[in-house]
C-alpha cells in the first residue's frame, strides 16, 4: 500500500518538528567589540536571509547582538553552525532569544536599582 517517498533535498531538514525554544531571533555573545555591521551580515547571512541585526552599544551590552532571520530554519542552521565559531580570536556563544527569560532579567535589574536607591535614601550599608 504505502510506497516510500523521498523528501526533496531542500526540505529534508524541515520535515522534523522543531523544539519549542527554536525561533527566528538569535542572541549572540562574545563578539569582538570592533566587529562591524557588514562583518556581522557577512557571517550570519551565509545561513539565510537576515531581517535585522541589533548590535549592543552600551557598556553592559558591548560584544552582544540580536540577529533576526526571516525564516526559523535559517536561524536554526546558523545556531548549529556558528555556536563556538571563532571570530577574531573569540568563540561565539549563540542562544535562542527567550522573551520570558529576558523579562525576568530586566525585572531583576530593576529591583536591584530600586534596592540601591532605598539603601542610599536610608543610609544602609551594603554588607
PDB file of N, CA and C in Angstrom:
ATOM      1  N   UNK A   1       0.796  -1.192   0.000  1.00  0.00           N
ATOM      2  CA  UNK A   1       0.000   0.000   0.000  1.00  0.00           C
ATOM      3  C   UNK A   1       0.844   1.265   0.000  1.00  0.00           C
ATOM      4  N   UNK A   2       1.618   1.405   1.052  1.00  0.00           N
ATOM      5  CA  UNK A   2       2.412   2.614   1.147  1.00  0.00           C
ATOM      6  C   UNK A   2       3.707   2.448   0.381  1.00  0.00           C
ATOM      7  N   UNK A   3       3.942   3.371  -0.459  1.00  0.00           N
ATOM      8  CA  UNK A   3       5.214   3.387  -1.174  1.00  0.00           C
ATOM      9  C   UNK A   3       6.120   4.383  -0.453  1.00  0.00           C
ATOM     10  N   UNK A   4       7.367   4.083  -0.455  1.00  0.00           N
ATOM     11  CA  UNK A   4       8.284   5.027   0.190  1.00  0.00           C
ATOM     12  C   UNK A   4       8.392   6.274  -0.680  1.00  0.00           C
ATOM     13  N   UNK A   5       8.360   7.390  -0.027  1.00  0.00           N
ATOM     14  CA  UNK A   5       8.502   8.634  -0.774  1.00  0.00           C
ATOM     15  C   UNK A   5       9.749   9.346  -0.271  1.00  0.00           C
ATOM     16  N   UNK A   6      10.344  10.073  -1.141  1.00  0.00           N
ATOM     17  CA  UNK A   6      11.537  10.809  -0.753  1.00  0.00           C
ATOM     18  C   UNK A   6      11.196  12.282  -0.647  1.00  0.00           C
ATOM     19  N   UNK A   7      11.793  12.901   0.323  1.00  0.00           N
ATOM     20  CA  UNK A   7      11.605  14.331   0.527  1.00  0.00           C
ATOM     21  C   UNK A   7      12.672  15.042  -0.295  1.00  0.00           C
ATOM     22  N   UNK A   8      12.291  16.052  -1.078  1.00  0.00           N
ATOM     23  CA  UNK A   8      13.309  16.795  -1.828  1.00  0.00           C
ATOM     24  C   UNK A   8      14.378  17.330  -0.891  1.00  0.00           C
ATOM     25  N   UNK A   9      15.600  17.414  -1.381  1.00  0.00           N
ATOM     26  CA  UNK A   9      16.738  17.812  -0.551  1.00  0.00           C
ATOM     27  C   UNK A   9      16.528  19.159   0.126  1.00  0.00           C
ATOM     28  N   UNK A  10      15.876  20.091  -0.556  1.00  0.00           N
ATOM     29  CA  UNK A  10      15.710  21.424   0.034  1.00  0.00           C
ATOM     30  C   UNK A  10      14.781  21.419   1.244  1.00  0.00           C
ATOM     31  N   UNK A  11      13.933  20.383   1.389  1.00  0.00           N
ATOM     32  CA  UNK A  11      13.014  20.306   2.516  1.00  0.00           C
ATOM     33  C   UNK A  11      13.397  19.217   3.512  1.00  0.00           C
ATOM     34  N   UNK A  12      14.511  18.563   3.300  1.00  0.00           N
ATOM     35  CA  UNK A  12      14.891  17.428   4.145  1.00  0.00           C
ATOM     36  C   UNK A  12      15.024  17.819   5.612  1.00  0.00           C
ATOM     37  N   UNK A  13      15.644  18.960   5.912  1.00  0.00           N
ATOM     38  CA  UNK A  13      15.819  19.386   7.295  1.00  0.00           C
ATOM     39  C   UNK A  13      14.554  19.933   7.914  1.00  0.00           C
ATOM     40  N   UNK A  14      13.539  20.206   7.111  1.00  0.00           N
ATOM     41  CA  UNK A  14      12.319  20.841   7.601  1.00  0.00           C
ATOM     42  C   UNK A  14      11.231  19.835   7.957  1.00  0.00           C
ATOM     43  N   UNK A  15      11.489  18.573   7.724  1.00  0.00           N
ATOM     44  CA  UNK A  15      10.482  17.551   7.987  1.00  0.00           C
ATOM     45  C   UNK A  15      10.302  17.309   9.488  1.00  0.00           C
ATOM     46  N   UNK A  16      11.363  17.481  10.253  1.00  0.00           N
ATOM     47  CA  UNK A  16      11.307  17.203  11.688  1.00  0.00           C
ATOM     48  C   UNK A  16      10.651  18.367  12.431  1.00  0.00           C
ATOM     49  N   UNK A  17       9.983  18.051  13.506  1.00  0.00           N
ATOM     50  CA  UNK A  17       9.354  19.076  14.350  1.00  0.00           C
ATOM     51  C   UNK A  17      10.442  19.779  15.161  1.00  0.00           C
ATOM     52  N   UNK A  18      10.350  21.085  15.241  1.00  0.00           N
ATOM     53  CA  UNK A  18      11.370  21.864  15.943  1.00  0.00           C
ATOM     54  C   UNK A  18      11.082  21.922  17.435  1.00  0.00           C
ATOM     55  N   UNK A  19      12.137  21.940  18.270  1.00  0.00           N
ATOM     56  CA  UNK A  19      11.935  22.115  19.711  1.00  0.00           C
ATOM     57  C   UNK A  19      11.286  23.479  19.982  1.00  0.00           C
ATOM     58  N   UNK A  20      10.584  23.621  21.096  1.00  0.00           N
ATOM     59  CA  UNK A  20       9.851  24.869  21.370  1.00  0.00           C
ATOM     60  C   UNK A  20      10.736  26.099  21.532  1.00  0.00           C
ATOM     61  N   UNK A  21      11.987  25.929  21.936  1.00  0.00           N
ATOM     62  CA  UNK A  21      12.842  27.099  22.155  1.00  0.00           C
ATOM     63  C   UNK A  21      13.368  27.704  20.854  1.00  0.00           C
ATOM     64  N   UNK A  22      13.279  26.967  19.757  1.00  0.00           N
ATOM     65  CA  UNK A  22      13.792  27.453  18.477  1.00  0.00           C
ATOM     66  C   UNK A  22      12.904  28.591  17.971  1.00  0.00           C
ATOM     67  N   UNK A  23      13.536  29.704  17.614  1.00  0.00           N
ATOM     68  CA  UNK A  23      12.805  30.802  16.984  1.00  0.00           C
ATOM     69  C   UNK A  23      13.717  31.559  16.033  1.00  0.00           C
ATOM     70  N   UNK A  24      13.198  32.609  15.423  1.00  0.00           N
ATOM     71  CA  UNK A  24      13.927  33.334  14.388  1.00  0.00           C
ATOM     72  C   UNK A  24      14.975  34.294  14.950  1.00  0.00           C
ATOM     73  N   UNK A  25      14.954  34.526  16.252  1.00  0.00           N
ATOM     74  CA  UNK A  25      15.844  35.518  16.858  1.00  0.00           C
ATOM     75  C   UNK A  25      16.951  34.820  17.646  1.00  0.00           C
ATOM     76  N   UNK A  26      18.192  35.143  17.280  1.00  0.00           N
ATOM     77  CA  UNK A  26      19.352  34.601  17.982  1.00  0.00           C
ATOM     78  C   UNK A  26      19.982  35.705  18.815  1.00  0.00           C
ATOM     79  N   UNK A  27      20.389  35.347  20.027  1.00  0.00           N
ATOM     80  CA  UNK A  27      21.135  36.260  20.884  1.00  0.00           C
ATOM     81  C   UNK A  27      22.581  35.803  20.829  1.00  0.00           C
ATOM     82  N   UNK A  28      23.477  36.693  20.407  1.00  0.00           N
ATOM     83  CA  UNK A  28      24.882  36.339  20.199  1.00  0.00           C
ATOM     84  C   UNK A  28      25.725  37.067  21.233  1.00  0.00           C
ATOM     85  N   UNK A  29      26.597  36.318  21.903  1.00  0.00           N
ATOM     86  CA  UNK A  29      27.512  36.882  22.905  1.00  0.00           C
ATOM     87  C   UNK A  29      28.944  36.608  22.502  1.00  0.00           C
ATOM     88  N   UNK A  30      29.862  37.322  23.148  1.00  0.00           N
ATOM     89  CA  UNK A  30      31.301  37.155  22.981  1.00  0.00           C
ATOM     90  C   UNK A  30      31.787  37.617  21.606  1.00  0.00           C
ATOM     91  N   UNK A  31      31.100  38.600  21.036  1.00  0.00           N
ATOM     92  CA  UNK A  31      31.556  39.186  19.771  1.00  0.00           C
ATOM     93  C   UNK A  31      32.739  40.114  20.035  1.00  0.00           C
ATOM     94  N   UNK A  32      33.654  40.223  19.071  1.00  0.00           N
ATOM     95  CA  UNK A  32      34.710  41.232  19.206  1.00  0.00           C
ATOM     96  C   UNK A  32      34.071  42.627  19.249  1.00  0.00           C
ATOM     97  N   UNK A  33      34.569  43.499  20.103  1.00  0.00           N
ATOM     98  CA  UNK A  33      33.977  44.832  20.252  1.00  0.00           C
ATOM     99  C   UNK A  33      34.043  45.642  18.960  1.00  0.00           C
ATOM    100  N   UNK A  34      35.056  45.402  18.150  1.00  0.00           N
ATOM    101  CA  UNK A  34      35.244  46.216  16.949  1.00  0.00           C
ATOM    102  C   UNK A  34      34.617  45.605  15.695  1.00  0.00           C
ATOM    103  N   UNK A  35      33.808  44.568  15.838  1.00  0.00           N
ATOM    104  CA  UNK A  35      33.190  43.960  14.668  1.00  0.00           C
ATOM    105  C   UNK A  35      32.191  44.950  14.058  1.00  0.00           C
ATOM    106  N   UNK A  36      32.160  44.992  12.731  1.00  0.00           N
ATOM    107  CA  UNK A  36      31.268  45.934  12.044  1.00  0.00           C
ATOM    108  C   UNK A  36      29.952  45.247  11.680  1.00  0.00           C
ATOM    109  N   UNK A  37      28.964  46.062  11.355  1.00  0.00           N
ATOM    110  CA  UNK A  37      27.680  45.513  10.909  1.00  0.00           C
ATOM    111  C   UNK A  37      27.839  44.725   9.621  1.00  0.00           C
ATOM    112  N   UNK A  38      28.692  45.199   8.741  1.00  0.00           N
ATOM    113  CA  UNK A  38      28.932  44.496   7.470  1.00  0.00           C
ATOM    114  C   UNK A  38      29.508  43.113   7.746  1.00  0.00           C
ATOM    115  N   UNK A  39      30.456  43.025   8.666  1.00  0.00           N
ATOM    116  CA  UNK A  39      31.042  41.729   9.013  1.00  0.00           C
ATOM    117  C   UNK A  39      29.994  40.799   9.619  1.00  0.00           C
ATOM    118  N   UNK A  40      29.114  41.340  10.468  1.00  0.00           N
ATOM    119  CA  UNK A  40      28.054  40.522  11.057  1.00  0.00           C
ATOM    120  C   UNK A  40      27.118  39.983   9.975  1.00  0.00           C
ATOM    121  N   UNK A  41      26.729  40.846   9.037  1.00  0.00           N
ATOM    122  CA  UNK A  41      25.864  40.392   7.950  1.00  0.00           C
ATOM    123  C   UNK A  41      26.575  39.357   7.083  1.00  0.00           C
ATOM    124  N   UNK A  42      27.884  39.503   6.878  1.00  0.00           N
ATOM    125  CA  UNK A  42      28.646  38.503   6.113  1.00  0.00           C
ATOM    126  C   UNK A  42      28.632  37.145   6.808  1.00  0.00           C
ATOM    127  N   UNK A  43      28.833  37.155   8.120  1.00  0.00           N
ATOM    128  CA  UNK A  43      28.890  35.901   8.880  1.00  0.00           C
ATOM    129  C   UNK A  43      27.516  35.236   8.934  1.00  0.00           C
ATOM    130  N   UNK A  44      26.499  35.979   9.348  1.00  0.00           N
ATOM    131  CA  UNK A  44      25.178  35.384   9.572  1.00  0.00           C
ATOM    132  C   UNK A  44      24.365  35.241   8.292  1.00  0.00           C
ATOM    133  N   UNK A  45      24.663  36.049   7.281  1.00  0.00           N
ATOM    134  CA  UNK A  45      23.939  35.980   6.022  1.00  0.00           C
ATOM    135  C   UNK A  45      24.200  34.722   5.224  1.00  0.00           C
ATOM    136  N   UNK A  46      25.253  34.005   5.560  1.00  0.00           N
ATOM    137  CA  UNK A  46      25.561  32.749   4.849  1.00  0.00           C
ATOM    138  C   UNK A  46      24.532  31.658   5.128  1.00  0.00           C
ATOM    139  N   UNK A  47      23.725  31.841   6.169  1.00  0.00           N
ATOM    140  CA  UNK A  47      22.772  30.799   6.574  1.00  0.00           C
ATOM    141  C   UNK A  47      21.334  31.146   6.218  1.00  0.00           C
ATOM    142  N   UNK A  48      21.130  32.292   5.580  1.00  0.00           N
ATOM    143  CA  UNK A  48      19.790  32.657   5.146  1.00  0.00           C
ATOM    144  C   UNK A  48      19.589  34.157   5.188  1.00  0.00           C
ATOM    145  N   UNK A  49      18.389  34.555   4.823  1.00  0.00           N
ATOM    146  CA  UNK A  49      18.044  35.965   4.762  1.00  0.00           C
ATOM    147  C   UNK A  49      17.927  36.551   6.170  1.00  0.00           C
ATOM    148  N   UNK A  50      18.749  37.548   6.456  1.00  0.00           N
ATOM    149  CA  UNK A  50      18.744  38.212   7.755  1.00  0.00           C
ATOM    150  C   UNK A  50      17.861  39.452   7.657  1.00  0.00           C
ATOM    151  N   UNK A  51      16.879  39.530   8.522  1.00  0.00           N
ATOM    152  CA  UNK A  51      15.979  40.691   8.536  1.00  0.00           C
ATOM    153  C   UNK A  51      16.630  41.878   9.229  1.00  0.00           C
ATOM    154  N   UNK A  52      17.290  41.617  10.365  1.00  0.00           N
ATOM    155  CA  UNK A  52      17.863  42.713  11.144  1.00  0.00           C
ATOM    156  C   UNK A  52      18.947  42.190  12.073  1.00  0.00           C
ATOM    157  N   UNK A  53      19.944  43.040  12.323  1.00  0.00           N
ATOM    158  CA  UNK A  53      20.958  42.765  13.342  1.00  0.00           C
ATOM    159  C   UNK A  53      21.028  43.989  14.231  1.00  0.00           C
ATOM    160  N   UNK A  54      20.881  43.768  15.536  1.00  0.00           N
ATOM    161  CA  UNK A  54      20.980  44.847  16.520  1.00  0.00           C
ATOM    162  C   UNK A  54      22.195  44.569  17.395  1.00  0.00           C
ATOM    163  N   UNK A  55      23.214  45.398  17.245  1.00  0.00           N
ATOM    164  CA  UNK A  55      24.461  45.225  17.976  1.00  0.00           C
ATOM    165  C   UNK A  55      24.429  46.061  19.247  1.00  0.00           C
ATOM    166  N   UNK A  56      24.914  45.483  20.364  1.00  0.00           N
ATOM    167  CA  UNK A  56      24.972  46.202  21.624  1.00  0.00           C
ATOM    168  C   UNK A  56      25.952  47.347  21.566  1.00  0.00           C
ATOM    169  N   UNK A  57      25.567  48.505  22.127  1.00  0.00           N
ATOM    170  CA  UNK A  57      26.443  49.671  22.070  1.00  0.00           C
ATOM    171  C   UNK A  57      26.769  50.238  23.456  1.00  0.00           C
ATOM    172  N   UNK A  58      26.010  49.849  24.457  1.00  0.00           N
ATOM    173  CA  UNK A  58      26.257  50.329  25.821  1.00  0.00           C
ATOM    174  C   UNK A  58      27.364  49.486  26.463  1.00  0.00           C
ATOM    175  N   UNK A  59      27.894  49.974  27.569  1.00  0.00           N
ATOM    176  CA  UNK A  59      28.992  49.272  28.245  1.00  0.00           C
ATOM    177  C   UNK A  59      28.616  47.829  28.599  1.00  0.00           C
ATOM    178  N   UNK A  60      27.380  47.625  29.100  1.00  0.00           N
ATOM    179  CA  UNK A  60      26.985  46.276  29.518  1.00  0.00           C
ATOM    180  C   UNK A  60      26.512  45.397  28.361  1.00  0.00           C
ATOM    181  N   UNK A  61      26.312  45.985  27.161  1.00  0.00           N
ATOM    182  CA  UNK A  61      25.845  45.174  26.023  1.00  0.00           C
ATOM    183  C   UNK A  61      26.877  45.048  24.914  1.00  0.00           C
ATOM    184  N   UNK A  62      28.041  45.658  25.084  1.00  0.00           N
ATOM    185  CA  UNK A  62      29.089  45.512  24.056  1.00  0.00           C
ATOM    186  C   UNK A  62      29.447  44.045  23.903  1.00  0.00           C
ATOM    187  N   UNK A  63      29.715  43.651  22.678  1.00  0.00           N
ATOM    188  CA  UNK A  63      30.072  42.260  22.418  1.00  0.00           C
ATOM    189  C   UNK A  63      28.872  41.347  22.273  1.00  0.00           C
ATOM    190  N   UNK A  64      27.660  41.944  22.203  1.00  0.00           N
ATOM    191  CA  UNK A  64      26.449  41.146  22.022  1.00  0.00           C
ATOM    192  C   UNK A  64      25.669  41.670  20.818  1.00  0.00           C
ATOM    193  N   UNK A  65      24.772  40.835  20.316  1.00  0.00           N
ATOM    194  CA  UNK A  65      23.902  41.255  19.213  1.00  0.00           C
ATOM    195  C   UNK A  65      22.675  40.359  19.170  1.00  0.00           C
ATOM    196  N   UNK A  66      21.611  40.890  18.614  1.00  0.00           N
ATOM    197  CA  UNK A  66      20.430  40.110  18.260  1.00  0.00           C
ATOM    198  C   UNK A  66      20.428  39.982  16.749  1.00  0.00           C
ATOM    199  N   UNK A  67      20.306  38.756  16.260  1.00  0.00           N
ATOM    200  CA  UNK A  67      20.241  38.507  14.824  1.00  0.00           C
ATOM    201  C   UNK A  67      18.860  37.928  14.535  1.00  0.00           C
ATOM    202  N   UNK A  68      18.116  38.602  13.663  1.00  0.00           N
ATOM    203  CA  UNK A  68      16.748  38.192  13.353  1.00  0.00           C
ATOM    204  C   UNK A  68      16.699  37.707  11.911  1.00  0.00           C
ATOM    205  N   UNK A  69      16.346  36.445  11.758  1.00  0.00           N
ATOM    206  CA  UNK A  69      16.226  35.836  10.435  1.00  0.00           C
ATOM    207  C   UNK A  69      14.786  35.918   9.943  1.00  0.00           C
ATOM    208  N   UNK A  70      14.625  35.869   8.627  1.00  0.00           N
ATOM    209  CA  UNK A  70      13.281  35.824   8.037  1.00  0.00           C
ATOM    210  C   UNK A  70      12.650  34.452   8.227  1.00  0.00           C
ATOM    211  N   UNK A  71      13.483  33.423   8.306  1.00  0.00           N
ATOM    212  CA  UNK A  71      12.978  32.051   8.371  1.00  0.00           C
ATOM    213  C   UNK A  71      13.556  31.329   9.590  1.00  0.00           C
ATOM    214  N   UNK A  72      12.721  30.615  10.299  1.00  0.00           N
ATOM    215  CA  UNK A  72      13.143  29.918  11.515  1.00  0.00           C
ATOM    216  C   UNK A  72      14.187  28.830  11.228  1.00  0.00           C
ATOM    217  N   UNK A  73      14.091  28.199  10.060  1.00  0.00           N
ATOM    218  CA  UNK A  73      15.055  27.145   9.726  1.00  0.00           C
ATOM    219  C   UNK A  73      16.438  27.721   9.426  1.00  0.00           C
ATOM    220  N   UNK A  74      16.483  28.937   8.905  1.00  0.00           N
ATOM    221  CA  UNK A  74      17.768  29.602   8.698  1.00  0.00           C
ATOM    222  C   UNK A  74      18.408  29.925  10.044  1.00  0.00           C
ATOM    223  N   UNK A  75      17.602  30.372  10.996  1.00  0.00           N
ATOM    224  CA  UNK A  75      18.113  30.659  12.344  1.00  0.00           C
ATOM    225  C   UNK A  75      18.646  29.386  12.989  1.00  0.00           C
ATOM    226  N   UNK A  76      17.933  28.292  12.815  1.00  0.00           N
ATOM    227  CA  UNK A  76      18.358  27.007  13.378  1.00  0.00           C
ATOM    228  C   UNK A  76      19.686  26.568  12.767  1.00  0.00           C
ATOM    229  N   UNK A  77      19.813  26.734  11.454  1.00  0.00           N
ATOM    230  CA  UNK A  77      21.048  26.372  10.769  1.00  0.00           C
ATOM    231  C   UNK A  77      22.216  27.227  11.268  1.00  0.00           C
ATOM    232  N   UNK A  78      22.000  28.534  11.404  1.00  0.00           N
ATOM    233  CA  UNK A  78      23.048  29.421  11.912  1.00  0.00           C
ATOM    234  C   UNK A  78      23.441  29.025  13.331  1.00  0.00           C
ATOM    235  N   UNK A  79      22.457  28.709  14.149  1.00  0.00           N
ATOM    236  CA  UNK A  79      22.726  28.292  15.528  1.00  0.00           C
ATOM    237  C   UNK A  79      23.628  27.053  15.545  1.00  0.00           C
ATOM    238  N   UNK A  80      23.279  26.080  14.733  1.00  0.00           N
ATOM    239  CA  UNK A  80      24.053  24.834  14.701  1.00  0.00           C
ATOM    240  C   UNK A  80      25.466  25.044  14.175  1.00  0.00           C
ATOM    241  N   UNK A  81      25.628  25.903  13.179  1.00  0.00           N
ATOM    242  CA  UNK A  81      26.925  26.078  12.540  1.00  0.00           C
ATOM    243  C   UNK A  81      27.831  27.095  13.229  1.00  0.00           C
ATOM    244  N   UNK A  82      27.249  28.107  13.859  1.00  0.00           N
ATOM    245  CA  UNK A  82      28.062  29.200  14.389  1.00  0.00           C
ATOM    246  C   UNK A  82      28.306  29.149  15.898  1.00  0.00           C
ATOM    247  N   UNK A  83      27.641  28.277  16.617  1.00  0.00           N
ATOM    248  CA  UNK A  83      27.929  28.150  18.053  1.00  0.00           C
ATOM    249  C   UNK A  83      29.367  27.665  18.216  1.00  0.00           C
ATOM    250  N   UNK A  84      30.171  28.461  18.890  1.00  0.00           N
ATOM    251  CA  UNK A  84      31.578  28.117  19.067  1.00  0.00           C
ATOM    252  C   UNK A  84      32.469  28.557  17.922  1.00  0.00           C
ATOM    253  N   UNK A  85      31.914  29.221  16.926  1.00  0.00           N
ATOM    254  CA  UNK A  85      32.679  29.702  15.773  1.00  0.00           C
ATOM    255  C   UNK A  85      33.667  30.771  16.228  1.00  0.00           C
ATOM    256  N   UNK A  86      34.901  30.708  15.739  1.00  0.00           N
ATOM    257  CA  UNK A  86      35.948  31.638  16.140  1.00  0.00           C
ATOM    258  C   UNK A  86      35.926  32.872  15.243  1.00  0.00           C
ATOM    259  N   UNK A  87      35.720  34.037  15.857  1.00  0.00           N
ATOM    260  CA  UNK A  87      35.754  35.313  15.137  1.00  0.00           C
ATOM    261  C   UNK A  87      36.793  36.192  15.825  1.00  0.00           C
ATOM    262  N   UNK A  88      37.873  36.473  15.119  1.00  0.00           N
ATOM    263  CA  UNK A  88      38.947  37.334  15.642  1.00  0.00           C
ATOM    264  C   UNK A  88      39.426  36.865  17.014  1.00  0.00           C
ATOM    265  N   UNK A  89      39.591  35.558  17.164  1.00  0.00           N
ATOM    266  CA  UNK A  89      40.114  35.003  18.415  1.00  0.00           C
ATOM    267  C   UNK A  89      39.088  34.837  19.520  1.00  0.00           C
ATOM    268  N   UNK A  90      37.818  35.072  19.220  1.00  0.00           N
ATOM    269  CA  UNK A  90      36.755  34.918  20.229  1.00  0.00           C
ATOM    270  C   UNK A  90      35.772  33.874  19.730  1.00  0.00           C
ATOM    271  N   UNK A  91      35.334  33.016  20.625  1.00  0.00           N
ATOM    272  CA  UNK A  91      34.385  31.965  20.267  1.00  0.00           C
ATOM    273  C   UNK A  91      32.962  32.451  20.539  1.00  0.00           C
ATOM    274  N   UNK A  92      32.137  32.450  19.496  1.00  0.00           N
ATOM    275  CA  UNK A  92      30.777  32.957  19.616  1.00  0.00           C
ATOM    276  C   UNK A  92      29.914  32.058  20.488  1.00  0.00           C
ATOM    277  N   UNK A  93      29.070  32.675  21.277  1.00  0.00           N
ATOM    278  CA  UNK A  93      28.079  31.974  22.093  1.00  0.00           C
ATOM    279  C   UNK A  93      26.716  32.397  21.549  1.00  0.00           C
ATOM    280  N   UNK A  94      25.948  31.435  21.030  1.00  0.00           N
ATOM    281  CA  UNK A  94      24.636  31.726  20.475  1.00  0.00           C
ATOM    282  C   UNK A  94      23.546  31.079  21.310  1.00  0.00           C
ATOM    283  N   UNK A  95      22.475  31.832  21.532  1.00  0.00           N
ATOM    284  CA  UNK A  95      21.306  31.342  22.252  1.00  0.00           C
ATOM    285  C   UNK A  95      20.069  31.768  21.483  1.00  0.00           C
ATOM    286  N   UNK A  96      19.014  30.976  21.580  1.00  0.00           N
ATOM    287  CA  UNK A  96      17.745  31.428  21.036  1.00  0.00           C
ATOM    288  C   UNK A  96      17.181  32.477  21.975  1.00  0.00           C
ATOM    289  N   UNK A  97      16.647  33.549  21.416  1.00  0.00           N
ATOM    290  CA  UNK A  97      16.047  34.601  22.229  1.00  0.00           C
ATOM    291  C   UNK A  97      14.853  34.038  22.973  1.00  0.00           C
ATOM    292  N   UNK A  98      14.815  34.294  24.279  1.00  0.00           N
ATOM    293  CA  UNK A  98      13.734  33.813  25.127  1.00  0.00           C
ATOM    294  C   UNK A  98      13.129  35.020  25.832  1.00  0.00           C
ATOM    295  N   UNK A  99      11.982  35.538  25.330  1.00  0.00           N
ATOM    296  CA  UNK A  99      11.421  36.752  25.911  1.00  0.00           C
ATOM    297  C   UNK A  99      11.090  36.633  27.397  1.00  0.00           C
ATOM    298  N   UNK A 100      10.639  35.471  27.837  1.00  0.00           N
ATOM    299  CA  UNK A 100      10.299  35.298  29.251  1.00  0.00           C
ATOM    300  C   UNK A 100      11.549  35.426  30.121  1.00  0.00           C
ATOM    301  N   UNK A 101      12.633  34.844  29.681  1.00  0.00           N
ATOM    302  CA  UNK A 101      13.885  34.900  30.427  1.00  0.00           C
ATOM    303  C   UNK A 101      14.421  36.335  30.466  1.00  0.00           C
ATOM    304  N   UNK A 102      14.295  37.050  29.343  1.00  0.00           N
ATOM    305  CA  UNK A 102      14.760  38.426  29.294  1.00  0.00           C
ATOM    306  C   UNK A 102      13.918  39.309  30.220  1.00  0.00           C
ATOM    307  N   UNK A 103      12.617  39.056  30.304  1.00  0.00           N
ATOM    308  CA  UNK A 103      11.742  39.835  31.180  1.00  0.00           C
ATOM    309  C   UNK A 103      12.139  39.644  32.638  1.00  0.00           C
ATOM    310  N   UNK A 104      12.455  38.419  33.020  1.00  0.00           N
ATOM    311  CA  UNK A 104      12.896  38.138  34.393  1.00  0.00           C
ATOM    312  C   UNK A 104      14.204  38.864  34.674  1.00  0.00           C
ATOM    313  N   UNK A 105      15.124  38.848  33.702  1.00  0.00           N
ATOM    314  CA  UNK A 105      16.408  39.525  33.873  1.00  0.00           C
ATOM    315  C   UNK A 105      16.206  41.028  34.049  1.00  0.00           C
ATOM    316  N   UNK A 106      15.326  41.621  33.221  1.00  0.00           N
ATOM    317  CA  UNK A 106      15.057  43.055  33.318  1.00  0.00           C
ATOM    318  C   UNK A 106      14.408  43.392  34.661  1.00  0.00           C
ATOM    319  N   UNK A 107      13.495  42.538  35.121  1.00  0.00           N
ATOM    320  CA  UNK A 107      12.831  42.760  36.399  1.00  0.00           C
ATOM    321  C   UNK A 107      13.839  42.695  37.540  1.00  0.00           C
ATOM    322  N   UNK A 108      14.761  41.755  37.467  1.00  0.00           N
ATOM    323  CA  UNK A 108      15.794  41.616  38.495  1.00  0.00           C
ATOM    324  C   UNK A 108      16.680  42.858  38.531  1.00  0.00           C
ATOM    325  N   UNK A 109      17.056  43.357  37.356  1.00  0.00           N
ATOM    326  CA  UNK A 109      17.888  44.557  37.303  1.00  0.00           C
ATOM    327  C   UNK A 109      17.140  45.766  37.879  1.00  0.00           C
ATOM    328  N   UNK A 110      15.855  45.892  37.552  1.00  0.00           N
ATOM    329  CA  UNK A 110      15.045  46.999  38.062  1.00  0.00           C
ATOM    330  C   UNK A 110      14.965  46.934  39.587  1.00  0.00           C
ATOM    331  N   UNK A 111      14.783  45.738  40.122  1.00  0.00           N
ATOM    332  CA  UNK A 111      14.701  45.578  41.581  1.00  0.00           C
ATOM    333  C   UNK A 111      16.030  45.917  42.258  1.00  0.00           C
ATOM    334  N   UNK A 112      17.142  45.558  41.624  1.00  0.00           N
ATOM    335  CA  UNK A 112      18.454  45.909  42.188  1.00  0.00           C
ATOM    336  C   UNK A 112      18.620  47.419  42.250  1.00  0.00           C
ATOM    337  N   UNK A 113      18.193  48.098  41.180  1.00  0.00           N
ATOM    338  CA  UNK A 113      18.283  49.564  41.158  1.00  0.00           C
ATOM    339  C   UNK A 113      17.418  50.179  42.254  1.00  0.00           C
ATOM    340  N   UNK A 114      16.198  49.672  42.419  1.00  0.00           N
ATOM    341  CA  UNK A 114      15.312  50.179  43.471  1.00  0.00           C
ATOM    342  C   UNK A 114      15.915  49.948  44.846  1.00  0.00           C
ATOM    343  N   UNK A 115      16.502  48.777  45.049  1.00  0.00           N
ATOM    344  CA  UNK A 115      17.124  48.456  46.334  1.00  0.00           C
ATOM    345  C   UNK A 115      18.299  49.389  46.619  1.00  0.00           C
ATOM    346  N   UNK A 116      19.097  49.666  45.596  1.00  0.00           N
ATOM    347  CA  UNK A 116      20.236  50.567  45.772  1.00  0.00           C
ATOM    348  C   UNK A 116      19.757  51.966  46.152  1.00  0.00           C
ATOM    349  N   UNK A 117      18.670  52.425  45.528  1.00  0.00           N
ATOM    350  CA  UNK A 117      18.118  53.741  45.866  1.00  0.00           C
ATOM    351  C   UNK A 117      17.611  53.778  47.308  1.00  0.00           C
ATOM    352  N   UNK A 118      16.933  52.729  47.731  1.00  0.00           N
ATOM    353  CA  UNK A 118      16.436  52.667  49.107  1.00  0.00           C
ATOM    354  C   UNK A 118      17.578  52.638  50.119  1.00  0.00           C
ATOM    355  N   UNK A 119      18.620  51.878  49.816  1.00  0.00           N
ATOM    356  CA  UNK A 119      19.779  51.827  50.721  1.00  0.00           C
ATOM    357  C   UNK A 119      20.409  53.204  50.862  1.00  0.00           C
ATOM    358  N   UNK A 120      20.524  53.902  49.725  1.00  0.00           N
ATOM    359  CA  UNK A 120      21.096  55.236  49.744  1.00  0.00           C
ATOM    360  C   UNK A 120      20.201  56.199  50.523  1.00  0.00           C
ATOM    361  N   UNK A 121      18.895  56.112  50.283  1.00  0.00           N
ATOM    362  CA  UNK A 121      17.927  57.001  50.926  1.00  0.00           C
ATOM    363  C   UNK A 121      17.941  56.844  52.444  1.00  0.00           C
ATOM    364  N   UNK A 122      18.053  55.606  52.920  1.00  0.00           N
ATOM    365  CA  UNK A 122      18.002  55.330  54.353  1.00  0.00           C
ATOM    366  C   UNK A 122      19.379  55.083  54.970  1.00  0.00           C
ATOM    367  N   UNK A 123      20.432  55.413  54.223  1.00  0.00           N
ATOM    368  CA  UNK A 123      21.820  55.277  54.692  1.00  0.00           C
ATOM    369  C   UNK A 123      22.117  53.877  55.231  1.00  0.00           C
ATOM    370  N   UNK A 124      21.775  52.873  54.470  1.00  0.00           N
ATOM    371  CA  UNK A 124      22.034  51.497  54.866  1.00  0.00           C
ATOM    372  C   UNK A 124      23.250  51.002  54.065  1.00  0.00           C
ATOM    373  N   UNK A 125      24.232  50.473  54.806  1.00  0.00           N
ATOM    374  CA  UNK A 125      25.429  49.945  54.130  1.00  0.00           C
ATOM    375  C   UNK A 125      25.122  48.597  53.499  1.00  0.00           C
ATOM    376  N   UNK A 126      25.789  48.331  52.401  1.00  0.00           N
ATOM    377  CA  UNK A 126      25.650  47.049  51.692  1.00  0.00           C
ATOM    378  C   UNK A 126      26.743  46.123  52.188  1.00  0.00           C
ATOM    379  N   UNK A 127      26.389  45.236  53.137  1.00  0.00           N
ATOM    380  CA  UNK A 127      27.392  44.329  53.711  1.00  0.00           C
ATOM    381  C   UNK A 127      27.032  42.906  53.474  1.00  0.00           C
TER     382      UNK A 127
END
